[in-house]
Amino acid sequence: MIELKEFTFRYRESVEPVVRDVNLTIPDGTFVGITGAAGSGKSTVAKKVAGMLGFHYLDTGAMYRTIALYMLKKEVDIDDV
């Protein structure tokens, strides 16, 4: 089980937290998706939790944006995908 209690994160001590008081319990064997508005701290929470557990973090959003940019530059027809 993974459990966070009142998880708060700030980039520097002198600034306001970018994530504040997150409580989270993930039972063993569970898959989790983190959703929210742009800039709400999804990636920050995922990176920090992965780091705390010794896992690697894969930014799938960046991966999909990179693939989309490649396809646009190569003028790949969406019907061919």
Protein backbone atom coordinates (compact mmCIF):
# COMPACT_ATOMS: atom_id res chain seq x y z
CA MET A 1 0.00 0.00 0.00
CA ILE A 2 1.14 3.53 -0.75
CA GLU A 3 -0.05 6.26 1.57
CA LEU A 4 0.50 10.01 1.57
CA LYS A 5 -0.66 12.13 4.46
CA GLU A 6 -0.81 15.89 4.07
CA PHE A 7 1.78 15.81 1.26
CA THR A 8 2.97 19.34 0.51
CA PHE A 9 5.61 20.40 -1.97
CA ARG A 10 7.27 23.70 -2.81
CA TYR A 11 10.14 24.36 -5.19
CA ARG A 12 11.91 26.69 -2.74
CA GLU A 13 11.31 27.38 0.92
CA SER A 14 10.63 31.03 0.16
CA VAL A 15 7.65 30.40 -2.11
CA GLU A 16 4.11 29.12 -1.60
CA PRO A 17 3.57 25.38 -2.01
CA VAL A 18 2.63 24.22 -5.50
CA VAL A 19 0.91 21.19 -3.98
CA ARG A 20 -0.69 21.38 -0.56
CA ASP A 21 -2.12 18.81 1.87
CA VAL A 22 -2.65 15.88 -0.53
CA ASN A 23 -3.98 12.74 1.19
CA LEU A 24 -3.81 9.55 -0.81
CA THR A 25 -4.10 5.81 -0.14
CA ILE A 26 -3.39 3.35 -2.94
CA PRO A 27 -4.02 -0.33 -2.15
CA ASP A 28 -1.57 -2.93 -3.51
CA GLY A 29 -2.31 -4.01 -7.07
CA THR A 30 -4.21 -0.83 -7.90
CA PHE A 31 -3.62 1.31 -10.99
CA VAL A 32 -3.99 5.05 -10.52
CA GLY A 33 -4.58 7.91 -12.92
CA ILE A 34 -4.02 11.46 -11.73
CA THR A 35 -6.34 13.95 -13.42
CA GLY A 36 -6.80 17.68 -13.09
CA ALA A 37 -6.49 21.02 -14.79
CA ALA A 38 -3.26 22.21 -16.38
CA GLY A 39 -0.87 23.43 -13.71
CA SER A 40 -2.72 21.76 -10.84
CA GLY A 41 0.27 19.66 -9.71
CA LYS A 42 -0.42 16.28 -11.33
CA SER A 43 3.11 15.80 -12.63
CA THR A 44 4.66 17.18 -9.46
CA VAL A 45 2.79 14.67 -7.29
CA ALA A 46 3.57 11.79 -9.67
CA LYS A 47 7.30 12.66 -9.83
CA LYS A 48 7.63 13.04 -6.07
CA VAL A 49 5.76 9.82 -5.28
CA ALA A 50 7.83 7.92 -7.86
CA GLY A 51 11.02 9.32 -6.36
CA MET A 52 9.95 8.46 -2.81
CA LEU A 53 9.35 4.85 -3.92
CA GLY A 54 12.53 4.57 -5.99
CA PHE A 55 10.55 4.31 -9.24
CA HIS A 56 11.23 5.98 -12.58
CA TYR A 57 8.72 8.59 -13.71
CA LEU A 58 7.55 8.48 -17.34
CA ASP A 59 5.96 11.72 -18.50
CA THR A 60 3.41 10.30 -20.95
CA GLY A 61 2.05 13.77 -21.71
CA ALA A 62 5.45 14.84 -23.05
CA MET A 63 5.72 11.57 -24.93
CA TYR A 64 2.37 12.08 -26.69
CA ARG A 65 3.15 15.73 -27.48
CA THR A 66 6.49 14.65 -29.00
CA ILE A 67 4.80 12.03 -31.17
CA ALA A 68 2.16 14.55 -32.29
CA LEU A 69 4.82 17.11 -33.19
CA TYR A 70 6.78 14.50 -35.14
CA MET A 71 3.67 13.47 -37.06
CA LEU A 72 2.80 17.09 -37.84
CA LYS A 73 6.31 17.81 -39.11
CA LYS A 74 6.27 14.66 -41.27
CA GLU A 75 2.76 15.54 -42.48
CA VAL A 76 1.41 12.12 -41.54
CA ASP A 77 -2.24 11.80 -42.54
CA ILE A 78 -4.36 11.04 -39.47
CA ASP A 79 -6.26 8.44 -41.52
CA ASP A 80 -2.99 6.50 -41.94
CA VAL A 81 -2.51 6.09 -38.20
